[in-house]
Every structure is written in structure tokens, then in C-alpha cells.
Amino acid sequence: MSGQRRVVVSPPSMSGGRHVRVDGVILGLALRPADVAEFLRRAGFEGVDVETSELIEWRGGGPDVWAYPT
């Protein structure tokens, strides 16, 4: 789809959390799915279900993965 903004959630970091980016710009460091939803809301994405939305590319695990792999 043209004009659609790209949302990427990075893999869990060693220090905790996952960076959330839209079009390459970091919105913040999320510690749980609710944080991802809030960052997206602030960026103009209303009503996005972070658990199922195809707008979000989850790297290093889906919305249920928050711990750095040991």
C-alpha cells in the first residue's frame, strides 16, 4: 500500500525493552505491548491492535516476547 507508514518493533535489548520506530524514527522504548500502543497513538495511529495488526513488523519475536534471549 502506498503512503502507509512502516512500524517496526526491534528485538528485546540486553538492558530491557524494545525500540519502536515509525519510518525509521524512534518513538520510544517499550516495556510491554501497552507502551507500543501508546507510542503509536501519539504518532497518529488510532485504534491499532498491537497484538494482531499487520502494520507492525515485530523483529526478534512477537508481542509476547520482552526478555532478551539468554
Protein backbone atom coordinates (compact mmCIF):
# COMPACT_ATOMS: atom_id res chain seq x y z
CA MET A 1 0.00 0.00 0.00
CA SER A 2 1.47 3.32 -0.95
CA GLY A 3 1.58 6.04 1.65
CA GLN A 4 1.42 3.59 4.53
CA ARG A 5 3.91 4.27 7.30
CA ARG A 6 6.24 1.47 8.37
CA VAL A 7 6.13 0.42 12.04
CA VAL A 8 8.99 -1.73 13.38
CA VAL A 9 9.42 -3.10 16.89
CA SER A 10 13.04 -4.11 17.45
CA PRO A 11 14.15 -7.28 19.24
CA PRO A 12 14.42 -7.11 23.03
CA SER A 13 17.55 -5.30 24.17
CA MET A 14 20.01 -6.52 26.81
CA SER A 15 19.02 -3.65 29.10
CA GLY A 16 15.30 -4.35 28.66
CA GLY A 17 12.59 -3.10 26.36
CA ARG A 18 12.13 -2.87 22.61
CA HIS A 19 12.57 0.21 20.44
CA VAL A 20 9.51 1.24 18.45
CA ARG A 21 10.14 3.02 15.14
CA VAL A 22 7.91 4.58 12.53
CA ASP A 23 9.59 5.26 9.20
CA GLY A 24 12.98 4.86 10.90
CA VAL A 25 12.27 7.39 13.67
CA ILE A 26 12.42 6.00 17.22
CA LEU A 27 9.21 6.75 19.11
CA GLY A 28 10.41 5.24 22.36
CA LEU A 29 11.46 2.20 24.32
CA ALA A 30 8.51 -0.07 25.05
CA LEU A 31 8.48 -2.39 28.04
CA ARG A 32 5.15 -4.03 27.17
CA PRO A 33 2.54 -4.06 24.39
CA ALA A 34 0.60 -1.21 26.01
CA ASP A 35 3.65 1.02 25.54
CA VAL A 36 3.75 0.17 21.82
CA ALA A 37 0.06 1.07 21.55
CA GLU A 38 0.61 4.39 23.32
CA PHE A 39 3.59 5.36 21.14
CA LEU A 40 1.53 4.58 18.04
CA ARG A 41 -1.46 6.54 19.36
CA ARG A 42 0.77 9.57 19.90
CA ALA A 43 2.09 9.15 16.34
CA GLY A 44 -1.45 9.28 14.93
CA PHE A 45 -2.26 5.57 14.74
CA GLU A 46 -5.65 5.32 16.42
CA GLY A 47 -7.15 2.01 17.47
CA VAL A 48 -4.29 -0.25 16.38
CA ASP A 49 -4.40 -3.71 17.96
CA VAL A 50 -0.69 -4.29 18.51
CA GLU A 51 -1.24 -8.00 19.06
CA THR A 52 -2.69 -8.64 15.58
CA SER A 53 -2.07 -5.63 13.33
CA GLU A 54 -0.28 -6.28 10.05
CA LEU A 55 1.01 -2.68 10.19
CA ILE A 56 3.61 -3.74 12.77
CA GLU A 57 6.76 -5.69 11.95
CA TRP A 58 7.88 -7.48 15.11
CA ARG A 59 11.56 -8.39 14.99
CA GLY A 60 13.06 -10.95 17.35
CA GLY A 61 9.68 -12.25 18.50
CA GLY A 62 6.10 -11.11 18.58
CA PRO A 63 4.18 -9.04 21.12
CA ASP A 64 4.59 -11.75 23.76
CA VAL A 65 8.43 -11.59 23.76
CA TRP A 66 10.03 -8.97 26.01
CA ALA A 67 13.06 -10.65 27.59
CA TYR A 68 16.50 -10.64 25.99
CA PRO A 69 17.36 -14.19 24.93
CA THR A 70 19.88 -15.81 27.22
